[in-house]
């Protein structure tokens, strides 16, 4: 059975474009990249590939990590930084995990929050 690679426009493409726009136009470039790195590292450490589901992590973890990251790195722009870090950080983890998913046949190009 072939592996299907599906990209959700409303759940992946548009949030990524909004995050990139905010990252470039809000003056948060370096703090934003640091926030993405922090969220990516923590989520990557906690994420687990689940056959038939995709990459899974408890759904409250990424937003909490992103919110705390936003408050610590840029209190005056915490909502924007939290959005950037949460969206791009989780997207980056999906890209890191895609190799494992492809080899095991549980590839799903979406956030597999459980």
Protein backbone atom coordinates (compact mmCIF):
# COMPACT_ATOMS: atom_id res chain seq x y z
CA UNK A 1 0.00 0.00 0.00
CA UNK A 2 1.50 3.37 -0.97
CA UNK A 3 2.25 6.02 1.64
CA UNK A 4 0.15 9.14 1.28
CA UNK A 5 1.69 12.54 1.91
CA UNK A 6 -1.07 15.05 2.62
CA UNK A 7 -0.59 18.72 3.50
CA UNK A 8 -3.45 20.48 5.24
CA UNK A 9 -3.67 24.01 3.83
CA UNK A 10 -5.60 25.46 6.79
CA UNK A 11 -3.60 23.59 9.42
CA UNK A 12 -0.09 23.72 7.96
CA UNK A 13 0.41 26.07 5.01
CA UNK A 14 -1.51 29.15 6.21
CA UNK A 15 -0.22 29.07 9.83
CA UNK A 16 3.33 28.66 8.53
CA UNK A 17 2.94 31.63 6.18
CA UNK A 18 1.46 33.78 8.98
CA UNK A 19 4.32 32.79 11.29
CA UNK A 20 6.95 33.63 8.67
CA UNK A 21 5.26 36.99 8.03
CA UNK A 22 5.25 37.79 11.77
CA UNK A 23 8.83 36.61 12.14
CA UNK A 24 10.09 38.93 9.42
CA UNK A 25 7.85 41.98 10.03
CA UNK A 26 7.51 42.17 13.82
CA UNK A 27 11.14 42.81 14.75
CA UNK A 28 11.30 39.46 16.51
CA UNK A 29 13.62 37.69 14.09
CA UNK A 30 16.36 36.56 16.49
CA UNK A 31 14.09 36.05 19.49
CA UNK A 32 11.67 34.25 17.18
CA UNK A 33 14.35 31.90 15.89
CA UNK A 34 15.49 31.24 19.46
CA UNK A 35 11.87 30.54 20.44
CA UNK A 36 11.43 28.13 17.52
CA UNK A 37 14.63 26.37 18.57
CA UNK A 38 13.48 26.03 22.17
CA UNK A 39 10.02 24.74 21.27
CA UNK A 40 11.46 22.38 18.64
CA UNK A 41 13.99 20.90 21.04
CA UNK A 42 11.46 20.24 23.80
CA UNK A 43 8.70 18.96 21.52
CA UNK A 44 11.15 16.77 19.59
CA UNK A 45 12.31 15.24 22.87
CA UNK A 46 8.71 14.50 23.95
CA UNK A 47 7.22 13.48 20.56
CA UNK A 48 6.68 9.82 19.80
CA UNK A 49 5.91 8.28 16.40
CA UNK A 50 2.71 6.22 16.63
CA UNK A 51 1.99 3.79 13.77
CA UNK A 52 -1.27 4.66 12.06
CA UNK A 53 -1.43 8.07 13.76
CA UNK A 54 1.78 9.96 13.01
CA UNK A 55 3.88 12.01 15.39
CA UNK A 56 2.11 12.21 18.76
CA UNK A 57 2.56 14.43 21.80
CA UNK A 58 0.04 15.41 24.50
CA UNK A 59 -1.87 18.33 23.03
CA UNK A 60 -1.34 20.74 25.93
CA UNK A 61 2.48 20.56 25.87
CA UNK A 62 3.36 22.58 22.69
CA UNK A 63 1.08 25.56 23.47
CA UNK A 64 2.31 25.74 27.06
CA UNK A 65 5.94 25.62 25.97
CA UNK A 66 5.27 28.26 23.29
CA UNK A 67 3.42 30.54 25.74
CA UNK A 68 6.19 30.37 28.34
CA UNK A 69 8.81 30.92 25.64
CA UNK A 70 6.94 33.99 24.39
CA UNK A 71 6.61 35.43 27.89
CA UNK A 72 10.27 34.88 28.73
CA UNK A 73 11.87 36.01 25.46
CA UNK A 74 9.59 38.93 24.54
CA UNK A 75 7.06 39.89 27.23
CA UNK A 76 5.92 42.91 25.20
CA UNK A 77 5.25 40.74 22.13
CA UNK A 78 4.46 37.44 23.87
CA UNK A 79 1.38 36.49 21.78
CA UNK A 80 3.18 36.95 18.46
CA UNK A 81 6.31 35.16 19.63
CA UNK A 82 4.29 32.31 21.15
CA UNK A 83 2.43 31.88 17.84
CA UNK A 84 5.66 31.90 15.84
CA UNK A 85 7.50 29.53 18.18
CA UNK A 86 4.58 27.16 18.57
CA UNK A 87 3.71 26.94 14.90
CA UNK A 88 7.19 26.80 13.39
CA UNK A 89 8.63 24.79 16.27
CA UNK A 90 6.08 22.01 15.82
CA UNK A 91 6.41 22.18 12.03
CA UNK A 92 10.17 21.75 12.35
CA UNK A 93 9.72 18.70 14.59
CA UNK A 94 7.43 17.16 11.99
CA UNK A 95 10.22 17.56 9.44
CA UNK A 96 12.75 15.99 11.81
CA UNK A 97 10.48 13.02 12.45
CA UNK A 98 9.51 12.47 8.82
CA UNK A 99 12.44 10.14 8.09
CA UNK A 100 11.42 7.74 10.84
CA UNK A 101 7.79 7.95 9.80
CA UNK A 102 8.58 7.25 6.16
CA UNK A 103 10.62 4.13 7.00
CA UNK A 104 7.97 2.68 9.33
CA UNK A 105 4.97 3.50 7.16
CA UNK A 106 3.19 5.78 9.62
CA UNK A 107 3.78 9.01 7.74
CA UNK A 108 1.15 11.69 8.29
CA UNK A 109 2.02 15.29 7.44
CA UNK A 110 0.01 16.83 10.24
CA UNK A 111 0.30 17.42 13.93
CA UNK A 112 -0.62 14.20 15.69
CA UNK A 113 -1.67 15.58 19.03
CA UNK A 114 -3.33 12.99 21.27
